[in-house]
Protein backbone atom coordinates (compact mmCIF):
# COMPACT_ATOMS: atom_id res chain seq x y z
CA UNK A 1 14.60 32.01 6.39
CA UNK A 2 12.36 34.51 5.17
CA UNK A 3 13.36 33.46 1.23
CA UNK A 4 10.36 30.98 1.32
CA UNK A 5 7.40 32.14 -0.73
CA UNK A 6 4.91 32.44 1.69
CA UNK A 7 1.92 32.75 -1.30
CA UNK A 8 3.13 28.95 -1.69
CA UNK A 9 2.04 27.64 1.37
CA UNK A 10 -0.73 28.96 3.92
CA UNK A 11 -1.36 27.95 7.02
CA UNK A 12 -4.27 25.77 7.56
CA UNK A 13 -7.38 25.28 9.74
CA UNK A 14 -7.42 22.25 12.00
CA UNK A 15 -10.87 21.42 11.61
CA UNK A 16 -9.93 20.67 7.74
CA UNK A 17 -7.49 18.06 8.51
CA UNK A 18 -8.18 14.51 8.99
CA UNK A 19 -8.11 13.25 12.71
CA UNK A 20 -5.30 11.77 14.60
CA UNK A 21 -7.09 8.93 15.22
CA UNK A 22 -8.08 8.35 11.59
CA UNK A 23 -4.58 9.56 10.69
CA UNK A 24 -3.25 6.04 12.62
CA UNK A 25 -6.02 4.22 11.66
CA UNK A 26 -5.00 4.64 7.81
CA UNK A 27 -1.07 3.94 8.57
CA UNK A 28 -1.58 0.35 10.29
CA UNK A 29 -3.91 -0.23 6.78
CA UNK A 30 -1.09 0.63 4.34
CA UNK A 31 0.95 -1.27 7.00
CA UNK A 32 -1.02 -4.45 6.90
CA UNK A 33 1.13 -7.24 5.63
CA UNK A 34 4.04 -4.62 5.13
CA UNK A 35 5.33 -4.71 8.85
CA UNK A 36 7.94 -7.20 8.03
CA UNK A 37 9.37 -4.46 5.94
CA UNK A 38 8.60 -1.75 8.31
CA UNK A 39 10.72 -3.87 11.13
CA UNK A 40 13.86 -4.30 8.41
CA UNK A 41 14.02 -0.78 7.91
CA UNK A 42 13.80 0.08 11.82
CA UNK A 43 16.88 -3.15 12.05
CA UNK A 44 19.26 -1.06 9.33
CA UNK A 45 18.47 2.47 11.19
CA UNK A 46 19.31 0.93 14.55
CA UNK A 47 22.64 0.18 13.12
CA UNK A 48 23.22 3.03 11.01
CA UNK A 49 22.73 5.09 14.42
CA UNK A 50 25.21 2.45 16.49
CA UNK A 51 27.71 3.49 13.51
CA UNK A 52 28.43 6.77 15.61
CA UNK A 53 28.39 5.73 18.99
CA UNK A 54 31.51 2.61 17.91
CA UNK A 55 33.24 5.27 16.85
CA UNK A 56 35.53 6.68 19.91
CA UNK A 57 36.15 10.58 19.70
CA UNK A 58 34.70 11.39 16.81
CA UNK A 59 31.14 9.68 16.88
CA UNK A 60 29.37 13.24 17.29
CA UNK A 61 30.72 14.47 14.00
CA UNK A 62 29.75 11.23 12.05
CA UNK A 63 25.99 11.24 13.37
CA UNK A 64 25.94 14.81 12.34
CA UNK A 65 27.07 14.03 8.80
CA UNK A 66 25.12 10.77 8.57
CA UNK A 67 22.01 12.10 10.54
CA UNK A 68 19.91 14.73 7.66
CA UNK A 69 20.70 12.22 4.74
CA UNK A 70 19.16 8.90 6.71
CA UNK A 71 16.44 11.69 7.75
CA UNK A 72 15.77 12.69 3.96
CA UNK A 73 16.05 8.55 2.65
CA UNK A 74 13.34 7.85 5.76
CA UNK A 75 11.41 10.25 4.31
CA UNK A 76 11.50 9.36 0.94
CA UNK A 77 10.76 5.51 1.91
CA UNK A 78 7.41 6.47 4.15
CA UNK A 79 6.24 8.70 1.18
CA UNK A 80 6.49 6.22 -1.49
CA UNK A 81 4.74 3.85 0.77
CA UNK A 82 2.10 6.08 2.03
CA UNK A 83 1.42 7.26 -1.81
CA UNK A 84 2.15 4.03 -4.10
CA UNK A 85 1.63 1.35 -0.92
CA UNK A 86 5.26 0.31 -2.06
CA UNK A 87 8.71 1.22 -1.48
CA UNK A 88 12.12 -0.14 -1.61
CA UNK A 89 14.91 -0.23 1.38
CA UNK A 90 17.32 1.33 -1.29
CA UNK A 91 15.12 4.59 -0.77
CA UNK A 92 16.48 4.55 3.06
CA UNK A 93 20.05 6.01 1.13
CA UNK A 94 18.78 8.40 -1.70
CA UNK A 95 19.62 10.98 0.92
CA UNK A 96 23.02 10.31 0.48
CA UNK A 97 22.44 11.45 -3.44
CA UNK A 98 21.42 14.65 -2.16
CA UNK A 99 23.66 15.17 1.19
CA UNK A 100 24.22 19.14 0.69
CA UNK A 101 20.69 20.00 1.15
CA UNK A 102 20.13 16.93 3.54
CA UNK A 103 23.38 18.02 5.86
CA UNK A 104 22.50 21.71 6.20
CA UNK A 105 19.31 21.10 6.51
CA UNK A 106 19.63 18.78 9.63
CA UNK A 107 22.35 21.20 11.36
CA UNK A 108 20.23 23.94 10.60
CA UNK A 109 17.79 22.36 12.41
CA UNK A 110 19.98 20.84 15.38
CA UNK A 111 21.20 24.39 15.74
CA UNK A 112 17.95 26.17 16.38
CA UNK A 113 15.74 23.21 18.31
CA UNK A 114 19.14 23.78 20.94
CA UNK A 115 18.66 27.67 20.41
CA UNK A 116 14.92 27.70 21.61
CA UNK A 117 15.47 25.15 24.10
CA UNK A 118 18.49 27.38 25.73
CA UNK A 119 15.16 29.77 26.87
CA UNK A 120 12.76 26.28 28.34
CA UNK A 121 12.02 23.27 27.01
CA UNK A 122 8.64 24.03 25.66
CA UNK A 123 9.86 26.67 22.94
CA UNK A 124 12.37 24.30 22.11
CA UNK A 125 9.52 21.39 21.49
CA UNK A 126 7.27 23.93 19.76
CA UNK A 127 10.71 24.82 17.09
CA UNK A 128 10.77 20.93 17.00
CA UNK A 129 7.15 20.68 15.66
CA UNK A 130 7.75 23.79 13.49
CA UNK A 131 10.47 22.18 11.66
CA UNK A 132 8.93 18.76 11.45
CA UNK A 133 8.09 18.81 7.91
CA UNK A 134 11.22 19.71 6.40
CA UNK A 135 12.55 16.85 4.83
CA UNK A 136 9.13 15.35 3.93
CA UNK A 137 9.12 19.10 1.75
CA UNK A 138 13.09 18.27 0.64
CA UNK A 139 12.02 15.16 -0.42
CA UNK A 140 9.13 17.01 -2.72
CA UNK A 141 11.16 19.36 -4.05
CA UNK A 142 14.52 18.20 -5.39
CA UNK A 143 15.85 21.99 -5.87
CA UNK A 144 14.33 23.73 -2.67
CA UNK A 145 17.22 25.18 -0.51
CA UNK A 146 17.90 24.26 2.97
CA UNK A 147 16.63 27.13 4.80
CA UNK A 148 13.74 27.58 2.06
CA UNK A 149 12.33 23.92 3.34
CA UNK A 150 12.79 25.15 7.30
CA UNK A 151 10.55 28.16 6.17
CA UNK A 152 8.37 26.31 4.57
CA UNK A 153 7.71 23.27 7.45
CA UNK A 154 7.55 26.30 9.54
CA UNK A 155 4.58 28.19 7.68
CA UNK A 156 3.69 25.01 7.08
CA UNK A 157 3.14 23.86 10.62
CA UNK A 158 1.20 27.45 11.73
CA UNK A 159 -1.91 26.32 13.60
CA UNK A 160 -0.84 22.76 13.53
CA UNK A 161 1.63 22.27 15.95
CA UNK A 162 -0.97 21.50 18.24
CA UNK A 163 -2.31 18.14 16.22
CA UNK A 164 0.96 16.71 15.26
CA UNK A 165 1.70 17.12 19.06
CA UNK A 166 -0.95 15.37 20.26
CA UNK A 167 -0.10 12.41 17.73
CA UNK A 168 2.97 11.95 18.92
CA UNK A 169 1.23 11.74 22.36
CA UNK A 170 -1.10 8.91 20.97
CA UNK A 171 1.98 6.49 20.36
CA UNK A 172 2.59 7.22 24.45
CA UNK A 173 1.43 3.93 25.39
CA UNK A 174 2.69 2.05 22.63
CA UNK A 175 6.29 3.75 23.65
CA UNK A 176 5.89 2.21 27.13
CA UNK A 177 4.76 -1.08 26.08
CA UNK A 178 8.01 -0.97 23.35
CA UNK A 179 10.21 -0.53 26.91
CA UNK A 180 8.39 -3.41 28.71
CA UNK A 181 9.23 -5.64 25.63
CA UNK A 182 12.91 -4.82 26.41
CA UNK A 183 12.77 -2.67 23.19
CA UNK A 184 11.83 -5.33 20.74
CA UNK A 185 8.65 -3.21 20.25
CA UNK A 186 10.30 -0.51 18.68
CA UNK A 187 11.20 -2.89 15.79
CA UNK A 188 7.09 -2.16 15.37
CA UNK A 189 6.40 1.22 16.56
CA UNK A 190 8.91 3.28 13.84
CA UNK A 191 7.48 2.01 10.90
CA UNK A 192 3.95 2.85 12.74
CA UNK A 193 4.92 6.37 13.66
CA UNK A 194 7.22 7.10 10.43
CA UNK A 195 4.13 6.09 8.37
CA UNK A 196 1.70 8.77 10.37
CA UNK A 197 3.57 11.61 10.33
CA UNK A 198 4.12 11.00 6.20
CA UNK A 199 0.44 11.06 6.11
CA UNK A 200 -0.09 13.83 8.64
CA UNK A 201 2.48 15.94 6.02
CA UNK A 202 0.04 14.43 2.76
CA UNK A 203 -2.97 15.63 4.33
CA UNK A 204 -1.60 19.26 5.28
CA UNK A 205 -0.46 19.35 1.50
CA UNK A 206 -3.14 17.89 -0.04
CA UNK A 207 -5.44 21.13 2.32
CA UNK A 208 -3.44 24.12 0.70
């Protein structure tokens, strides 16, 4: 984890960043006219996520294998959406072309978060927030190693975990409404959340 280069990413004061409310407003603006695309991405993600549960006995292993590449593909897709206002469905599967780094990054994230969570739930949440930018970083750095991406995410999130946590909290009301809609609302909530997260990453990166 110490192989990351501290001089490349410095902690960013929260007061220099775009407010969470503005990030969400920008996400809605980006998704105007593209909600159908976002719903399709979410629907495909749900179908792919159902594959491990349908495979008896080896479902957990299948999930461990595909979750990393899919997470990287979603990072690539939503970064493209927020940067160019354009994205393609096939970008969702680009993570498989970089399977090694995506798989190892996901494996390390799960391992580290679980180890911290063994102490208490709060350290586990803090660890998850610290590693939250990992796949965005891999998407932007084709040659980066998984361990370096995790280290860079931790450094990028220094002083910014609380802001991302509060951003997530702003979606709680939407989450409850999605439950009341028998889950149908999640088809719209997921692209909203991912777009906001991609904008959060972009904001951090631009403030470096």
